[in-house]
């Protein structure tokens, strides 16, 4: 008490080390706090979880990390900053975002900047992430990625150029939702939380991506047709979601074998829609039972499909989930109980 006024402790953040954050494999995570102003460093508690390169991650490992983040948040932290390599940060952050129902923000900070700005740029991202996580405006925004002094919604952020200090990550659909302006963090637009599964995913199934290319892919698709463990397949199609006609018989057999198949566009800002009615077109694929992945890129579609299958969604439920439509209101019909 001070003059009869209760002093409330300042909000604290958890700084989670979830992978290599420096070219020096022996770098001490504790040194990160030395690069923050004292008034911010004292608000951060370091939690060392993994020193593996992010390229060593898998979906089960990322799910385990998300569970760890939930337990950390339950300790009373106002927000969580995750430091890891940027190579698969897009996918890791996206998976966590699909599971993160809590109000506390989770912000992935890109410290592995290899361009001209180097260490200076990476530490600026750390500073930005700390300011964002402490901001009341970050509450209920889910998972964000901080790079180039900007904040991106994990739902549509993509790694565009890992060596660029200015455009490592981009958000083709929504753009920046926040950025550092004159040393202050400003939020510029609302975030969009994803729809959540009614059932927590358990064992992650085997889901692959098949990329369409000029006259290619038949041999690889044929091998997947004989992979008994395959539970889901994402087709990264041409343009609006079209594939070579030689694929159609194999896709038909996959669907008949109860393998879930979705098609997305392989294009950077592409989306699936009906164009012409020809063999291999999305319209014909839909008639076979192939579902649309909408505007998802192939990597995000694979993650979303895997989580949906792991949660026990029916084919109809998974079709809704791939398009980010609600799947929690009708559990009896949308989940395999």
C-alpha atoms as a PDB file:
ATOM      1  CA  UNK A   1       0.000   0.000   0.000  1.00  0.00           C
ATOM      2  CA  UNK A   2       1.165   3.555  -0.773  1.00  0.00           C
ATOM      3  CA  UNK A   3      -1.017   6.309   0.688  1.00  0.00           C
ATOM      4  CA  UNK A   4      -3.963   3.926   0.787  1.00  0.00           C
ATOM      5  CA  UNK A   5      -3.675   3.061  -2.941  1.00  0.00           C
ATOM      6  CA  UNK A   6      -3.077  -0.553  -3.915  1.00  0.00           C
ATOM      7  CA  UNK A   7      -0.151  -1.032  -6.297  1.00  0.00           C
ATOM      8  CA  UNK A   8      -0.916  -3.581  -9.013  1.00  0.00           C
ATOM      9  CA  UNK A   9       1.978  -5.538 -10.488  1.00  0.00           C
ATOM     10  CA  UNK A  10       2.851  -4.728 -14.089  1.00  0.00           C
ATOM     11  CA  UNK A  11       1.776  -7.326 -16.686  1.00  0.00           C
ATOM     12  CA  UNK A  12       4.452  -9.873 -17.515  1.00  0.00           C
ATOM     13  CA  UNK A  13       5.263 -11.617 -20.770  1.00  0.00           C
ATOM     14  CA  UNK A  14       6.663 -15.082 -21.461  1.00  0.00           C
ATOM     15  CA  UNK A  15       9.493 -15.091 -24.003  1.00  0.00           C
ATOM     16  CA  UNK A  16       9.452 -18.687 -25.267  1.00  0.00           C
ATOM     17  CA  UNK A  17      12.529 -20.038 -27.028  1.00  0.00           C
ATOM     18  CA  UNK A  18      11.079 -22.586 -29.441  1.00  0.00           C
ATOM     19  CA  UNK A  19      13.975 -23.103 -31.812  1.00  0.00           C
ATOM     20  CA  UNK A  20      17.257 -21.650 -32.948  1.00  0.00           C
ATOM     21  CA  UNK A  21      17.198 -17.856 -33.020  1.00  0.00           C
ATOM     22  CA  UNK A  22      20.798 -17.125 -33.960  1.00  0.00           C
ATOM     23  CA  UNK A  23      23.408 -18.305 -36.433  1.00  0.00           C
ATOM     24  CA  UNK A  24      25.527 -19.058 -33.370  1.00  0.00           C
ATOM     25  CA  UNK A  25      24.332 -22.452 -32.107  1.00  0.00           C
ATOM     26  CA  UNK A  26      25.812 -21.707 -28.685  1.00  0.00           C
ATOM     27  CA  UNK A  27      24.018 -18.376 -28.296  1.00  0.00           C
ATOM     28  CA  UNK A  28      22.570 -17.851 -24.816  1.00  0.00           C
ATOM     29  CA  UNK A  29      18.836 -16.996 -24.970  1.00  0.00           C
ATOM     30  CA  UNK A  30      19.300 -14.860 -21.872  1.00  0.00           C
ATOM     31  CA  UNK A  31      21.280 -12.360 -23.913  1.00  0.00           C
ATOM     32  CA  UNK A  32      18.113 -11.391 -25.789  1.00  0.00           C
ATOM     33  CA  UNK A  33      16.967  -9.372 -22.807  1.00  0.00           C
ATOM     34  CA  UNK A  34      20.145  -7.284 -23.027  1.00  0.00           C
ATOM     35  CA  UNK A  35      18.888  -5.822 -26.300  1.00  0.00           C
ATOM     36  CA  UNK A  36      15.630  -4.567 -24.828  1.00  0.00           C
ATOM     37  CA  UNK A  37      15.191  -1.344 -22.837  1.00  0.00           C
ATOM     38  CA  UNK A  38      15.323  -2.066 -19.109  1.00  0.00           C
ATOM     39  CA  UNK A  39      11.655  -1.154 -18.668  1.00  0.00           C
ATOM     40  CA  UNK A  40      10.712  -3.863 -21.177  1.00  0.00           C
ATOM     41  CA  UNK A  41      13.330  -6.474 -20.271  1.00  0.00           C
ATOM     42  CA  UNK A  42      12.063  -6.591 -16.687  1.00  0.00           C
ATOM     43  CA  UNK A  43       8.607  -7.505 -17.985  1.00  0.00           C
ATOM     44  CA  UNK A  44       9.831 -10.644 -19.792  1.00  0.00           C
ATOM     45  CA  UNK A  45      10.466 -14.105 -18.374  1.00  0.00           C
ATOM     46  CA  UNK A  46      12.427 -16.472 -20.644  1.00  0.00           C
ATOM     47  CA  UNK A  47      11.023 -19.975 -21.094  1.00  0.00           C
ATOM     48  CA  UNK A  48      13.405 -22.325 -22.913  1.00  0.00           C
ATOM     49  CA  UNK A  49      11.496 -25.087 -24.683  1.00  0.00           C
ATOM     50  CA  UNK A  50      13.496 -26.193 -27.707  1.00  0.00           C
ATOM     51  CA  UNK A  51      16.747 -25.360 -29.462  1.00  0.00           C
ATOM     52  CA  UNK A  52      15.953 -27.350 -32.595  1.00  0.00           C
ATOM     53  CA  UNK A  53      15.956 -25.603 -35.968  1.00  0.00           C
ATOM     54  CA  UNK A  54      12.402 -24.889 -37.050  1.00  0.00           C
ATOM     55  CA  UNK A  55      12.917 -27.157 -40.087  1.00  0.00           C
ATOM     56  CA  UNK A  56      13.043 -30.090 -37.635  1.00  0.00           C
ATOM     57  CA  UNK A  57       9.469 -29.417 -36.491  1.00  0.00           C
ATOM     58  CA  UNK A  58       6.445 -31.536 -37.391  1.00  0.00           C
ATOM     59  CA  UNK A  59       2.728 -31.044 -36.834  1.00  0.00           C
ATOM     60  CA  UNK A  60       2.691 -33.266 -33.718  1.00  0.00           C
ATOM     61  CA  UNK A  61       5.627 -31.308 -32.284  1.00  0.00           C
ATOM     62  CA  UNK A  62       3.871 -28.030 -33.051  1.00  0.00           C
ATOM     63  CA  UNK A  63       0.728 -29.290 -31.320  1.00  0.00           C
ATOM     64  CA  UNK A  64       2.851 -30.147 -28.286  1.00  0.00           C
ATOM     65  CA  UNK A  65       4.247 -26.617 -28.381  1.00  0.00           C
ATOM     66  CA  UNK A  66       0.741 -25.163 -28.499  1.00  0.00           C
ATOM     67  CA  UNK A  67      -0.190 -27.178 -25.421  1.00  0.00           C
ATOM     68  CA  UNK A  68       2.921 -25.852 -23.688  1.00  0.00           C
ATOM     69  CA  UNK A  69       1.945 -22.276 -24.618  1.00  0.00           C
ATOM     70  CA  UNK A  70      -1.490 -22.847 -23.095  1.00  0.00           C
ATOM     71  CA  UNK A  71       0.071 -23.977 -19.832  1.00  0.00           C
ATOM     72  CA  UNK A  72       2.372 -20.937 -19.857  1.00  0.00           C
ATOM     73  CA  UNK A  73      -0.562 -18.579 -20.445  1.00  0.00           C
ATOM     74  CA  UNK A  74      -2.403 -20.217 -17.554  1.00  0.00           C
ATOM     75  CA  UNK A  75       0.397 -19.033 -15.274  1.00  0.00           C
ATOM     76  CA  UNK A  76      -0.951 -15.502 -15.633  1.00  0.00           C
ATOM     77  CA  UNK A  77       1.157 -13.973 -18.404  1.00  0.00           C
ATOM     78  CA  UNK A  78      -0.461 -11.152 -20.362  1.00  0.00           C
ATOM     79  CA  UNK A  79       1.024 -12.394 -23.622  1.00  0.00           C
ATOM     80  CA  UNK A  80       3.524 -14.796 -25.154  1.00  0.00           C
ATOM     81  CA  UNK A  81       6.333 -14.111 -27.596  1.00  0.00           C
ATOM     82  CA  UNK A  82       7.712 -17.114 -29.476  1.00  0.00           C
ATOM     83  CA  UNK A  83      11.240 -16.974 -30.869  1.00  0.00           C
ATOM     84  CA  UNK A  84      12.183 -19.539 -33.511  1.00  0.00           C
ATOM     85  CA  UNK A  85      13.643 -19.794 -36.978  1.00  0.00           C
ATOM     86  CA  UNK A  86      11.555 -18.279 -39.762  1.00  0.00           C
ATOM     87  CA  UNK A  87      11.858 -21.134 -42.292  1.00  0.00           C
ATOM     88  CA  UNK A  88       8.507 -22.733 -41.390  1.00  0.00           C
ATOM     89  CA  UNK A  89       7.219 -20.003 -39.068  1.00  0.00           C
ATOM     90  CA  UNK A  90       4.297 -19.425 -41.441  1.00  0.00           C
ATOM     91  CA  UNK A  91       3.069 -22.995 -40.932  1.00  0.00           C
ATOM     92  CA  UNK A  92       3.854 -23.241 -37.217  1.00  0.00           C
ATOM     93  CA  UNK A  93       2.075 -19.972 -36.426  1.00  0.00           C
ATOM     94  CA  UNK A  94      -0.900 -20.975 -38.577  1.00  0.00           C
ATOM     95  CA  UNK A  95      -1.338 -24.311 -36.791  1.00  0.00           C
ATOM     96  CA  UNK A  96      -1.129 -22.664 -33.365  1.00  0.00           C
ATOM     97  CA  UNK A  97      -3.644 -20.046 -34.500  1.00  0.00           C
ATOM     98  CA  UNK A  98      -6.181 -22.735 -35.425  1.00  0.00           C
ATOM     99  CA  UNK A  99      -6.015 -24.137 -31.883  1.00  0.00           C
ATOM    100  CA  UNK A 100      -5.488 -20.969 -29.809  1.00  0.00           C
ATOM    101  CA  UNK A 101      -8.834 -20.026 -28.229  1.00  0.00           C
ATOM    102  CA  UNK A 102      -7.416 -17.914 -25.404  1.00  0.00           C
ATOM    103  CA  UNK A 103      -7.541 -14.105 -25.287  1.00  0.00           C
ATOM    104  CA  UNK A 104      -3.813 -13.647 -24.616  1.00  0.00           C
ATOM    105  CA  UNK A 105      -1.824 -12.828 -27.769  1.00  0.00           C
ATOM    106  CA  UNK A 106       0.845 -15.162 -29.116  1.00  0.00           C
ATOM    107  CA  UNK A 107       3.384 -13.315 -31.260  1.00  0.00           C
ATOM    108  CA  UNK A 108       6.045 -15.083 -33.308  1.00  0.00           C
ATOM    109  CA  UNK A 109       9.078 -12.801 -33.662  1.00  0.00           C
ATOM    110  CA  UNK A 110      11.282 -13.185 -36.736  1.00  0.00           C
ATOM    111  CA  UNK A 111      14.843 -12.727 -35.473  1.00  0.00           C
ATOM    112  CA  UNK A 112      16.545 -14.678 -38.266  1.00  0.00           C
ATOM    113  CA  UNK A 113      16.962 -11.826 -40.734  1.00  0.00           C
ATOM    114  CA  UNK A 114      19.835 -12.526 -43.140  1.00  0.00           C
ATOM    115  CA  UNK A 115      19.659  -9.383 -45.273  1.00  0.00           C
ATOM    116  CA  UNK A 116      21.522  -6.094 -44.977  1.00  0.00           C
ATOM    117  CA  UNK A 117      19.999  -5.179 -41.607  1.00  0.00           C
ATOM    118  CA  UNK A 118      21.027  -8.433 -39.927  1.00  0.00           C
ATOM    119  CA  UNK A 119      20.982  -8.424 -36.127  1.00  0.00           C
ATOM    120  CA  UNK A 120      19.621  -4.881 -35.925  1.00  0.00           C
ATOM    121  CA  UNK A 121      16.503  -5.818 -37.877  1.00  0.00           C
ATOM    122  CA  UNK A 122      15.897  -8.973 -35.855  1.00  0.00           C
ATOM    123  CA  UNK A 123      16.143  -7.139 -32.543  1.00  0.00           C
ATOM    124  CA  UNK A 124      13.810  -4.453 -33.813  1.00  0.00           C
ATOM    125  CA  UNK A 125      11.277  -7.226 -34.411  1.00  0.00           C
ATOM    126  CA  UNK A 126      11.785  -8.448 -30.840  1.00  0.00           C
ATOM    127  CA  UNK A 127      11.188  -4.924 -29.542  1.00  0.00           C
ATOM    128  CA  UNK A 128       8.069  -4.620 -31.698  1.00  0.00           C
ATOM    129  CA  UNK A 129       6.742  -7.993 -30.527  1.00  0.00           C
ATOM    130  CA  UNK A 130       7.179  -7.062 -26.859  1.00  0.00           C
ATOM    131  CA  UNK A 131       5.366  -3.754 -27.301  1.00  0.00           C
ATOM    132  CA  UNK A 132       2.565  -5.502 -29.171  1.00  0.00           C
ATOM    133  CA  UNK A 133       2.152  -8.253 -26.577  1.00  0.00           C
ATOM    134  CA  UNK A 134       1.926  -5.652 -23.788  1.00  0.00           C
ATOM    135  CA  UNK A 135      -0.673  -3.619 -25.655  1.00  0.00           C
ATOM    136  CA  UNK A 136      -4.322  -4.051 -24.608  1.00  0.00           C
ATOM    137  CA  UNK A 137      -5.105  -3.870 -28.327  1.00  0.00           C
ATOM    138  CA  UNK A 138      -3.426  -7.252 -28.831  1.00  0.00           C
ATOM    139  CA  UNK A 139      -5.963  -9.100 -26.695  1.00  0.00           C
ATOM    140  CA  UNK A 140      -8.269 -11.503 -28.566  1.00  0.00           C
ATOM    141  CA  UNK A 141      -6.238 -11.245 -31.768  1.00  0.00           C
ATOM    142  CA  UNK A 142      -4.998 -14.829 -31.670  1.00  0.00           C
ATOM    143  CA  UNK A 143      -1.576 -15.474 -33.195  1.00  0.00           C
ATOM    144  CA  UNK A 144       0.479 -12.814 -34.963  1.00  0.00           C
ATOM    145  CA  UNK A 145       3.824 -12.766 -36.759  1.00  0.00           C
ATOM    146  CA  UNK A 146       6.179  -9.831 -36.215  1.00  0.00           C
ATOM    147  CA  UNK A 147       8.638  -9.117 -39.023  1.00  0.00           C
ATOM    148  CA  UNK A 148      10.113  -5.973 -40.589  1.00  0.00           C
ATOM    149  CA  UNK A 149       8.655  -3.996 -37.700  1.00  0.00           C
ATOM    150  CA  UNK A 150       5.151  -5.022 -38.780  1.00  0.00           C
ATOM    151  CA  UNK A 151       2.483  -7.365 -37.451  1.00  0.00           C
ATOM    152  CA  UNK A 152       0.734  -9.904 -39.661  1.00  0.00           C
ATOM    153  CA  UNK A 153      -2.258 -12.096 -38.914  1.00  0.00           C
ATOM    154  CA  UNK A 154      -1.063 -15.717 -38.818  1.00  0.00           C
ATOM    155  CA  UNK A 155      -4.192 -16.682 -40.747  1.00  0.00           C
ATOM    156  CA  UNK A 156      -2.852 -15.312 -44.020  1.00  0.00           C
ATOM    157  CA  UNK A 157       0.816 -14.387 -43.495  1.00  0.00           C
ATOM    158  CA  UNK A 158       3.267 -15.937 -45.946  1.00  0.00           C
ATOM    159  CA  UNK A 159       7.061 -16.055 -45.982  1.00  0.00           C
ATOM    160  CA  UNK A 160       7.926 -14.204 -49.191  1.00  0.00           C
ATOM    161  CA  UNK A 161      11.678 -13.539 -48.997  1.00  0.00           C
ATOM    162  CA  UNK A 162      13.604 -14.761 -45.923  1.00  0.00           C
ATOM    163  CA  UNK A 163      16.638 -12.649 -46.857  1.00  0.00           C
ATOM    164  CA  UNK A 164      14.708  -9.388 -47.097  1.00  0.00           C
ATOM    165  CA  UNK A 165      14.779  -7.046 -44.081  1.00  0.00           C
ATOM    166  CA  UNK A 166      11.769  -5.205 -45.514  1.00  0.00           C
ATOM    167  CA  UNK A 167       9.493  -7.880 -46.965  1.00  0.00           C
ATOM    168  CA  UNK A 168      10.345 -11.209 -45.365  1.00  0.00           C
ATOM    169  CA  UNK A 169       6.674 -11.821 -44.557  1.00  0.00           C
ATOM    170  CA  UNK A 170       3.683 -10.525 -46.452  1.00  0.00           C
ATOM    171  CA  UNK A 171      -0.074 -10.760 -46.102  1.00  0.00           C
ATOM    172  CA  UNK A 172      -1.581 -10.945 -49.609  1.00  0.00           C
ATOM    173  CA  UNK A 173      -5.194 -10.772 -48.444  1.00  0.00           C
ATOM    174  CA  UNK A 174      -5.203  -8.237 -45.636  1.00  0.00           C
ATOM    175  CA  UNK A 175      -1.871  -6.482 -45.451  1.00  0.00           C
ATOM    176  CA  UNK A 176      -0.301  -5.263 -42.235  1.00  0.00           C
ATOM    177  CA  UNK A 177      -2.511  -5.172 -39.141  1.00  0.00           C
ATOM    178  CA  UNK A 178       0.024  -3.217 -37.072  1.00  0.00           C
ATOM    179  CA  UNK A 179       3.430  -1.601 -37.318  1.00  0.00           C
ATOM    180  CA  UNK A 180       6.070   0.428 -35.516  1.00  0.00           C
ATOM    181  CA  UNK A 181       5.596   4.152 -36.222  1.00  0.00           C
ATOM    182  CA  UNK A 182       8.064   6.594 -34.683  1.00  0.00           C
ATOM    183  CA  UNK A 183       8.997   4.074 -32.024  1.00  0.00           C
ATOM    184  CA  UNK A 184       5.385   3.289 -31.080  1.00  0.00           C
ATOM    185  CA  UNK A 185       3.287   0.264 -31.952  1.00  0.00           C
ATOM    186  CA  UNK A 186       0.064   1.081 -33.784  1.00  0.00           C
ATOM    187  CA  UNK A 187      -2.706  -1.374 -34.658  1.00  0.00           C
ATOM    188  CA  UNK A 188      -4.191  -0.500 -38.037  1.00  0.00           C
ATOM    189  CA  UNK A 189      -7.050  -2.980 -38.454  1.00  0.00           C
ATOM    190  CA  UNK A 190      -8.869  -5.802 -36.691  1.00  0.00           C
ATOM    191  CA  UNK A 191      -7.705  -9.391 -36.732  1.00  0.00           C
ATOM    192  CA  UNK A 192      -9.894 -12.279 -37.873  1.00  0.00           C
ATOM    193  CA  UNK A 193      -9.959 -15.297 -35.585  1.00  0.00           C
ATOM    194  CA  UNK A 194     -10.528 -18.648 -37.307  1.00  0.00           C
ATOM    195  CA  UNK A 195     -13.458 -20.930 -36.611  1.00  0.00           C
ATOM    196  CA  UNK A 196     -12.538 -23.478 -33.953  1.00  0.00           C
ATOM    197  CA  UNK A 197     -13.010 -27.210 -33.843  1.00  0.00           C
ATOM    198  CA  UNK A 198     -15.427 -28.606 -31.279  1.00  0.00           C
ATOM    199  CA  UNK A 199     -13.066 -31.529 -30.592  1.00  0.00           C
ATOM    200  CA  UNK A 200      -9.374 -31.267 -29.801  1.00  0.00           C
ATOM    201  CA  UNK A 201      -7.359 -32.993 -32.575  1.00  0.00           C
ATOM    202  CA  UNK A 202      -5.502 -36.080 -31.438  1.00  0.00           C
ATOM    203  CA  UNK A 203      -3.195 -38.119 -33.644  1.00  0.00           C
ATOM    204  CA  UNK A 204      -2.206 -36.203 -36.759  1.00  0.00           C
ATOM    205  CA  UNK A 205      -2.938 -38.236 -39.910  1.00  0.00           C
ATOM    206  CA  UNK A 206      -0.758 -38.542 -42.990  1.00  0.00           C
ATOM    207  CA  UNK A 207      -1.740 -35.729 -45.360  1.00  0.00           C
ATOM    208  CA  UNK A 208       0.281 -34.813 -48.432  1.00  0.00           C
ATOM    209  CA  UNK A 209       0.441 -32.053 -51.049  1.00  0.00           C
ATOM    210  CA  UNK A 210       0.478 -32.840 -54.764  1.00  0.00           C
ATOM    211  CA  UNK A 211       1.657 -29.968 -56.964  1.00  0.00           C
ATOM    212  CA  UNK A 212       0.384 -29.624 -60.511  1.00  0.00           C
ATOM    213  CA  UNK A 213       3.077 -28.910 -63.083  1.00  0.00           C
ATOM    214  CA  UNK A 214       3.294 -28.905 -66.864  1.00  0.00           C
ATOM    215  CA  UNK A 215       2.655 -32.535 -67.823  1.00  0.00           C
ATOM    216  CA  UNK A 216       4.056 -33.804 -64.522  1.00  0.00           C
ATOM    217  CA  UNK A 217       3.028 -35.588 -61.361  1.00  0.00           C
ATOM    218  CA  UNK A 218       1.495 -38.810 -62.656  1.00  0.00           C
ATOM    219  CA  UNK A 219       4.125 -41.081 -61.116  1.00  0.00           C
ATOM    220  CA  UNK A 220       4.039 -39.393 -57.711  1.00  0.00           C
ATOM    221  CA  UNK A 221       0.237 -39.380 -57.615  1.00  0.00           C
ATOM    222  CA  UNK A 222       0.217 -43.077 -58.546  1.00  0.00           C
ATOM    223  CA  UNK A 223       2.540 -43.843 -55.627  1.00  0.00           C
ATOM    224  CA  UNK A 224       0.259 -41.950 -53.253  1.00  0.00           C
ATOM    225  CA  UNK A 225      -2.669 -43.987 -54.530  1.00  0.00           C
ATOM    226  CA  UNK A 226      -0.966 -47.081 -53.108  1.00  0.00           C
ATOM    227  CA  UNK A 227      -0.003 -45.471 -49.778  1.00  0.00           C
ATOM    228  CA  UNK A 228      -2.352 -47.190 -47.339  1.00  0.00           C
ATOM    229  CA  UNK A 229      -1.571 -44.748 -44.529  1.00  0.00           C
ATOM    230  CA  UNK A 230      -2.637 -41.722 -46.598  1.00  0.00           C
ATOM    231  CA  UNK A 231      -5.726 -40.047 -45.093  1.00  0.00           C
ATOM    232  CA  UNK A 232      -5.802 -36.732 -46.917  1.00  0.00           C
ATOM    233  CA  UNK A 233      -4.420 -35.075 -50.039  1.00  0.00           C
ATOM    234  CA  UNK A 234      -4.237 -31.426 -51.044  1.00  0.00           C
ATOM    235  CA  UNK A 235      -4.022 -30.784 -54.772  1.00  0.00           C
ATOM    236  CA  UNK A 236      -2.136 -27.582 -55.591  1.00  0.00           C
ATOM    237  CA  UNK A 237      -3.806 -26.990 -58.915  1.00  0.00           C
ATOM    238  CA  UNK A 238      -3.317 -24.628 -61.812  1.00  0.00           C
ATOM    239  CA  UNK A 239      -5.037 -21.249 -61.757  1.00  0.00           C
ATOM    240  CA  UNK A 240      -8.505 -21.601 -60.252  1.00  0.00           C
ATOM    241  CA  UNK A 241      -7.951 -25.164 -59.052  1.00  0.00           C
ATOM    242  CA  UNK A 242      -7.571 -27.243 -62.200  1.00  0.00           C
ATOM    243  CA  UNK A 243      -5.376 -30.341 -62.628  1.00  0.00           C
ATOM    244  CA  UNK A 244      -4.044 -32.405 -65.581  1.00  0.00           C
ATOM    245  CA  UNK A 245      -6.700 -34.759 -67.013  1.00  0.00           C
ATOM    246  CA  UNK A 246      -4.372 -37.723 -66.502  1.00  0.00           C
ATOM    247  CA  UNK A 247      -4.828 -37.230 -62.749  1.00  0.00           C
ATOM    248  CA  UNK A 248      -8.589 -37.682 -62.789  1.00  0.00           C
ATOM    249  CA  UNK A 249      -8.788 -41.526 -62.691  1.00  0.00           C
ATOM    250  CA  UNK A 250      -6.332 -41.650 -59.784  1.00  0.00           C
ATOM    251  CA  UNK A 251      -8.179 -38.909 -57.905  1.00  0.00           C
ATOM    252  CA  UNK A 252     -11.431 -40.822 -58.409  1.00  0.00           C
ATOM    253  CA  UNK A 253      -9.849 -43.928 -56.896  1.00  0.00           C
ATOM    254  CA  UNK A 254      -8.492 -41.956 -53.937  1.00  0.00           C
ATOM    255  CA  UNK A 255     -11.940 -40.548 -53.172  1.00  0.00           C
ATOM    256  CA  UNK A 256     -13.469 -44.029 -53.463  1.00  0.00           C
ATOM    257  CA  UNK A 257     -10.835 -45.231 -50.981  1.00  0.00           C
ATOM    258  CA  UNK A 258     -12.138 -42.669 -48.455  1.00  0.00           C
ATOM    259  CA  UNK A 259      -9.098 -40.435 -48.764  1.00  0.00           C
ATOM    260  CA  UNK A 260     -10.134 -36.807 -48.215  1.00  0.00           C
ATOM    261  CA  UNK A 261      -9.098 -34.709 -51.213  1.00  0.00           C
ATOM    262  CA  UNK A 262      -9.152 -30.910 -51.466  1.00  0.00           C
ATOM    263  CA  UNK A 263      -7.971 -28.623 -54.236  1.00  0.00           C
ATOM    264  CA  UNK A 264      -6.420 -25.172 -53.912  1.00  0.00           C
ATOM    265  CA  UNK A 265      -4.581 -22.891 -56.297  1.00  0.00           C
ATOM    266  CA  UNK A 266      -0.819 -23.099 -56.515  1.00  0.00           C
ATOM    267  CA  UNK A 267      -0.768 -19.355 -57.355  1.00  0.00           C
ATOM    268  CA  UNK A 268       0.492 -16.864 -54.782  1.00  0.00           C
ATOM    269  CA  UNK A 269      -2.854 -15.057 -54.532  1.00  0.00           C
ATOM    270  CA  UNK A 270      -5.053 -17.626 -56.244  1.00  0.00           C
ATOM    271  CA  UNK A 271      -8.412 -19.020 -55.207  1.00  0.00           C
ATOM    272  CA  UNK A 272     -10.564 -21.951 -56.261  1.00  0.00           C
ATOM    273  CA  UNK A 273     -13.630 -21.275 -58.403  1.00  0.00           C
ATOM    274  CA  UNK A 274     -15.481 -22.719 -61.364  1.00  0.00           C
ATOM    275  CA  UNK A 275     -14.254 -21.656 -64.778  1.00  0.00           C
ATOM    276  CA  UNK A 276     -14.709 -24.039 -67.699  1.00  0.00           C
ATOM    277  CA  UNK A 277     -16.242 -27.498 -67.687  1.00  0.00           C
ATOM    278  CA  UNK A 278     -13.350 -29.634 -68.933  1.00  0.00           C
ATOM    279  CA  UNK A 279     -11.663 -32.808 -67.729  1.00  0.00           C
ATOM    280  CA  UNK A 280      -9.542 -31.910 -64.698  1.00  0.00           C
ATOM    281  CA  UNK A 281     -11.357 -28.632 -64.022  1.00  0.00           C
ATOM    282  CA  UNK A 282     -12.506 -27.797 -60.518  1.00  0.00           C
ATOM    283  CA  UNK A 283     -16.125 -28.281 -61.587  1.00  0.00           C
ATOM    284  CA  UNK A 284     -15.377 -31.852 -62.671  1.00  0.00           C
ATOM    285  CA  UNK A 285     -13.274 -32.516 -59.546  1.00  0.00           C
ATOM    286  CA  UNK A 286     -16.143 -31.338 -57.364  1.00  0.00           C
ATOM    287  CA  UNK A 287     -18.409 -33.887 -59.039  1.00  0.00           C
ATOM    288  CA  UNK A 288     -15.948 -36.597 -57.951  1.00  0.00           C
ATOM    289  CA  UNK A 289     -16.173 -35.501 -54.312  1.00  0.00           C
ATOM    290  CA  UNK A 290     -13.114 -33.234 -54.160  1.00  0.00           C
ATOM    291  CA  UNK A 291     -13.652 -30.291 -51.806  1.00  0.00           C
ATOM    292  CA  UNK A 292     -12.576 -26.695 -52.273  1.00  0.00           C
ATOM    293  CA  UNK A 293      -9.819 -25.113 -50.210  1.00  0.00           C
ATOM    294  CA  UNK A 294     -10.959 -21.638 -51.230  1.00  0.00           C
ATOM    295  CA  UNK A 295      -8.173 -19.080 -50.867  1.00  0.00           C
ATOM    296  CA  UNK A 296      -5.923 -21.281 -48.725  1.00  0.00           C
ATOM    297  CA  UNK A 297      -2.414 -21.832 -49.983  1.00  0.00           C
ATOM    298  CA  UNK A 298      -1.292 -25.494 -50.205  1.00  0.00           C
ATOM    299  CA  UNK A 299       0.683 -25.399 -46.931  1.00  0.00           C
ATOM    300  CA  UNK A 300      -2.163 -23.965 -44.861  1.00  0.00           C
ATOM    301  CA  UNK A 301      -4.682 -26.265 -46.550  1.00  0.00           C
ATOM    302  CA  UNK A 302      -2.621 -29.311 -45.545  1.00  0.00           C
ATOM    303  CA  UNK A 303      -2.500 -28.177 -41.908  1.00  0.00           C
ATOM    304  CA  UNK A 304      -6.204 -27.376 -41.777  1.00  0.00           C
ATOM    305  CA  UNK A 305      -7.122 -30.702 -43.386  1.00  0.00           C
ATOM    306  CA  UNK A 306      -4.897 -32.666 -41.004  1.00  0.00           C
ATOM    307  CA  UNK A 307      -6.401 -31.007 -37.922  1.00  0.00           C
ATOM    308  CA  UNK A 308      -9.937 -31.482 -39.217  1.00  0.00           C
ATOM    309  CA  UNK A 309      -9.407 -35.187 -39.883  1.00  0.00           C
ATOM    310  CA  UNK A 310      -7.689 -35.605 -36.498  1.00  0.00           C
ATOM    311  CA  UNK A 311     -10.681 -33.982 -34.796  1.00  0.00           C
ATOM    312  CA  UNK A 312     -13.020 -36.535 -36.407  1.00  0.00           C
ATOM    313  CA  UNK A 313     -14.849 -34.301 -38.875  1.00  0.00           C
ATOM    314  CA  UNK A 314     -17.063 -36.034 -41.404  1.00  0.00           C
ATOM    315  CA  UNK A 315     -16.578 -35.293 -45.110  1.00  0.00           C
ATOM    316  CA  UNK A 316     -19.259 -32.588 -44.941  1.00  0.00           C
ATOM    317  CA  UNK A 317     -17.770 -31.162 -41.767  1.00  0.00           C
ATOM    318  CA  UNK A 318     -14.301 -31.090 -43.283  1.00  0.00           C
ATOM    319  CA  UNK A 319     -15.655 -29.374 -46.402  1.00  0.00           C
ATOM    320  CA  UNK A 320     -17.024 -26.591 -44.195  1.00  0.00           C
ATOM    321  CA  UNK A 321     -13.868 -26.365 -42.101  1.00  0.00           C
ATOM    322  CA  UNK A 322     -11.627 -26.011 -45.160  1.00  0.00           C
ATOM    323  CA  UNK A 323     -13.598 -22.878 -46.040  1.00  0.00           C
ATOM    324  CA  UNK A 324     -13.480 -21.600 -42.433  1.00  0.00           C
ATOM    325  CA  UNK A 325     -17.199 -22.168 -41.936  1.00  0.00           C
ATOM    326  CA  UNK A 326     -18.521 -22.970 -38.403  1.00  0.00           C
ATOM    327  CA  UNK A 327     -18.223 -26.611 -37.362  1.00  0.00           C
ATOM    328  CA  UNK A 328     -19.152 -26.403 -33.678  1.00  0.00           C
ATOM    329  CA  UNK A 329     -22.939 -25.945 -33.847  1.00  0.00           C
ATOM    330  CA  UNK A 330     -23.949 -29.348 -35.181  1.00  0.00           C
ATOM    331  CA  UNK A 331     -21.576 -31.833 -33.609  1.00  0.00           C
ATOM    332  CA  UNK A 332     -23.867 -34.829 -34.154  1.00  0.00           C
ATOM    333  CA  UNK A 333     -23.791 -34.474 -37.952  1.00  0.00           C
ATOM    334  CA  UNK A 334     -20.366 -32.928 -38.538  1.00  0.00           C
ATOM    335  CA  UNK A 335     -18.230 -35.211 -36.336  1.00  0.00           C
ATOM    336  CA  UNK A 336     -17.745 -38.961 -36.259  1.00  0.00           C
ATOM    337  CA  UNK A 337     -18.913 -39.706 -32.739  1.00  0.00           C
END
